[in-house]
């Protein structure tokens, strides 16, 4: 059944809004995934703040042409049945979610991506990006490193304080 012109315009408007706010867009072939697999992928994506969209490549190209940053973007890789994973909060998460899912579902094959500045990313670049820790993990690691000297100082002082108190207690009981 063909999609009406109004429905196509609504899909283009939706994709345009998502692309304008997206920090990263990753696209992948999904031939051979069952409906249950797709639901599992969508659930994993939702939990990580990633939106999954399946639209015709032609409609995505129309949406990209309406956005100044994406006007000159190379779209030759947009062939076949593709799904698009977009995130407006983190550059790494869409690649990570798809890569993690692809490890257990061989039918999902990452093809490439688009950065927020309109640059096309190859499959290798996207897979390398997927290996990086998420923004939240990097923040947690940085905070832990910053607090490490403080924790070490507190532990050293508390150990000495306990030894001092034990000595005072021993003198008091003697």
Protein backbone atom coordinates (compact mmCIF):
# COMPACT_ATOMS: atom_id res chain seq x y z
CA UNK A 1 0.00 0.00 0.00
CA UNK A 2 1.39 3.37 -1.02
CA UNK A 3 1.98 6.09 1.53
CA UNK A 4 -0.08 9.24 1.04
CA UNK A 5 1.60 12.55 0.25
CA UNK A 6 0.58 13.95 3.66
CA UNK A 7 2.07 10.95 5.46
CA UNK A 8 5.32 11.34 3.47
CA UNK A 9 5.48 15.04 4.38
CA UNK A 10 4.94 14.16 8.04
CA UNK A 11 7.74 11.56 7.89
CA UNK A 12 10.09 14.06 6.25
CA UNK A 13 9.24 16.68 8.89
CA UNK A 14 9.85 14.14 11.69
CA UNK A 15 13.20 13.07 10.25
CA UNK A 16 14.20 16.69 9.66
CA UNK A 17 13.51 17.52 13.32
CA UNK A 18 15.44 14.46 14.51
CA UNK A 19 18.42 15.18 12.23
CA UNK A 20 18.59 18.83 13.24
CA UNK A 21 18.93 17.86 16.91
CA UNK A 22 20.99 14.69 16.43
CA UNK A 23 24.60 14.65 17.55
CA UNK A 24 25.09 11.37 15.69
CA UNK A 25 23.13 9.29 13.20
CA UNK A 26 24.09 5.69 12.42
CA UNK A 27 22.47 3.62 9.70
CA UNK A 28 22.42 -0.17 9.39
CA UNK A 29 20.92 -2.91 7.24
CA UNK A 30 18.34 -4.93 9.08
CA UNK A 31 17.35 -7.59 6.53
CA UNK A 32 16.53 -10.83 8.30
CA UNK A 33 15.64 -9.42 11.71
CA UNK A 34 12.36 -10.69 13.13
CA UNK A 35 9.73 -8.42 14.63
CA UNK A 36 10.74 -9.64 18.09
CA UNK A 37 14.36 -8.73 17.35
CA UNK A 38 13.34 -5.26 16.19
CA UNK A 39 11.29 -4.76 19.37
CA UNK A 40 14.29 -5.81 21.45
CA UNK A 41 16.51 -3.36 19.54
CA UNK A 42 14.01 -0.54 19.99
CA UNK A 43 13.76 -1.31 23.73
CA UNK A 44 17.57 -1.26 24.13
CA UNK A 45 17.76 1.97 22.15
CA UNK A 46 15.01 3.65 24.23
CA UNK A 47 16.81 2.70 27.46
CA UNK A 48 19.93 4.45 26.14
CA UNK A 49 18.21 7.56 24.78
CA UNK A 50 18.52 6.54 21.13
CA UNK A 51 15.68 6.82 18.64
CA UNK A 52 15.32 4.16 15.94
CA UNK A 53 13.54 5.10 12.72
CA UNK A 54 12.84 3.13 9.57
CA UNK A 55 12.00 5.39 6.64
CA UNK A 56 12.55 5.21 2.93
CA UNK A 57 16.01 6.37 1.97
CA UNK A 58 14.53 8.82 -0.51
CA UNK A 59 12.51 10.50 2.24
CA UNK A 60 15.62 10.77 4.44
CA UNK A 61 17.50 12.39 1.56
CA UNK A 62 14.67 14.94 1.16
CA UNK A 63 14.87 15.72 4.89
CA UNK A 64 18.66 16.06 4.69
CA UNK A 65 18.41 18.46 1.75
CA UNK A 66 16.17 20.71 3.85
CA UNK A 67 18.91 21.07 6.50
CA UNK A 68 21.82 23.34 5.61
CA UNK A 69 24.48 21.19 7.31
CA UNK A 70 23.44 18.05 5.43
CA UNK A 71 22.88 19.59 1.96
CA UNK A 72 26.29 18.50 0.61
CA UNK A 73 26.51 15.24 2.58
CA UNK A 74 27.40 12.14 0.56
CA UNK A 75 24.35 9.86 0.59
CA UNK A 76 25.57 7.21 -1.86
CA UNK A 77 25.71 4.64 0.97
CA UNK A 78 21.97 4.90 1.60
CA UNK A 79 20.86 1.85 -0.38
CA UNK A 80 18.69 -1.08 0.59
CA UNK A 81 16.56 -1.49 3.69
CA UNK A 82 18.13 0.68 6.36
CA UNK A 83 17.25 1.70 9.88
CA UNK A 84 18.50 4.92 11.40
CA UNK A 85 19.64 5.30 15.02
CA UNK A 86 19.80 8.90 16.27
CA UNK A 87 20.78 10.50 19.56
CA UNK A 88 20.49 14.13 20.58
CA UNK A 89 22.49 13.69 23.77
CA UNK A 90 25.55 11.59 22.97
CA UNK A 91 27.73 11.03 19.91
CA UNK A 92 28.78 7.50 20.84
CA UNK A 93 25.55 5.89 22.04
CA UNK A 94 23.84 5.16 18.67
CA UNK A 95 26.93 3.33 17.41
CA UNK A 96 27.32 1.51 20.71
CA UNK A 97 23.70 0.35 20.86
CA UNK A 98 23.74 -0.98 17.28
CA UNK A 99 27.17 -2.58 17.67
CA UNK A 100 26.18 -4.36 20.88
CA UNK A 101 22.98 -5.62 19.26
CA UNK A 102 24.81 -6.69 16.08
CA UNK A 103 27.11 -8.93 18.14
CA UNK A 104 24.17 -11.17 19.02
CA UNK A 105 22.16 -10.64 15.81
CA UNK A 106 24.27 -11.12 12.68
CA UNK A 107 21.42 -9.87 10.45
CA UNK A 108 22.06 -6.30 11.65
CA UNK A 109 24.99 -4.78 9.78
CA UNK A 110 26.21 -1.26 10.49
CA UNK A 111 26.81 0.56 7.21
CA UNK A 112 27.91 4.07 8.24
CA UNK A 113 26.76 7.28 9.83
CA UNK A 114 26.49 11.05 9.81
CA UNK A 115 28.06 13.40 12.32
CA UNK A 116 26.19 16.49 13.50
CA UNK A 117 28.35 18.65 11.24
CA UNK A 118 27.12 16.77 8.16
CA UNK A 119 30.21 14.66 7.56
CA UNK A 120 29.71 11.09 6.39
CA UNK A 121 31.31 8.39 8.51
CA UNK A 122 32.45 5.06 7.13
CA UNK A 123 31.53 1.73 8.64
CA UNK A 124 35.03 1.45 10.14
CA UNK A 125 34.74 4.89 11.76
CA UNK A 126 31.36 4.05 13.26
CA UNK A 127 32.61 0.71 14.61
CA UNK A 128 35.65 2.45 16.14
CA UNK A 129 33.32 5.01 17.72
CA UNK A 130 31.19 2.19 19.14
CA UNK A 131 34.19 0.91 21.10
CA UNK A 132 34.53 4.19 23.02
CA UNK A 133 32.91 4.55 26.45
CA UNK A 134 29.73 6.60 26.66
CA UNK A 135 29.67 10.20 27.84
CA UNK A 136 28.34 9.16 31.27
CA UNK A 137 31.11 6.57 31.68
CA UNK A 138 33.77 9.16 30.80
CA UNK A 139 32.33 11.63 33.31
CA UNK A 140 32.25 8.95 36.03
CA UNK A 141 35.86 7.94 35.32
CA UNK A 142 37.01 11.57 35.42
CA UNK A 143 35.25 12.22 38.72
CA UNK A 144 36.75 9.03 40.18
CA UNK A 145 40.24 10.10 39.12
CA UNK A 146 39.74 13.56 40.59
CA UNK A 147 38.50 12.13 43.89
CA UNK A 148 41.25 9.51 44.15
CA UNK A 149 43.83 11.78 45.86
CA UNK A 150 41.18 13.04 48.27
CA UNK A 151 40.14 9.49 49.18
CA UNK A 152 43.77 8.44 49.62
CA UNK A 153 44.43 11.40 51.95
CA UNK A 154 41.30 10.71 54.01
CA UNK A 155 42.22 7.02 54.33
CA UNK A 156 45.80 7.85 55.38
CA UNK A 157 44.66 10.37 57.97
CA UNK A 158 41.95 8.14 59.35
CA UNK A 159 44.44 5.28 59.71
CA UNK A 160 46.83 7.51 61.68
CA UNK A 161 43.98 8.84 63.77
CA UNK A 162 42.90 5.30 64.66
CA UNK A 163 46.47 4.42 65.68
CA UNK A 164 46.66 7.57 67.83
CA UNK A 165 43.34 6.79 69.53
CA UNK A 166 44.41 3.20 70.16
CA UNK A 167 47.61 4.48 71.77
CA UNK A 168 45.72 6.95 73.97
CA UNK A 169 43.26 4.25 74.99
CA UNK A 170 46.13 1.88 75.85
CA UNK A 171 47.77 4.59 78.04
CA UNK A 172 44.47 5.33 79.73
CA UNK A 173 43.85 1.70 80.64
CA UNK A 174 47.42 1.11 81.85
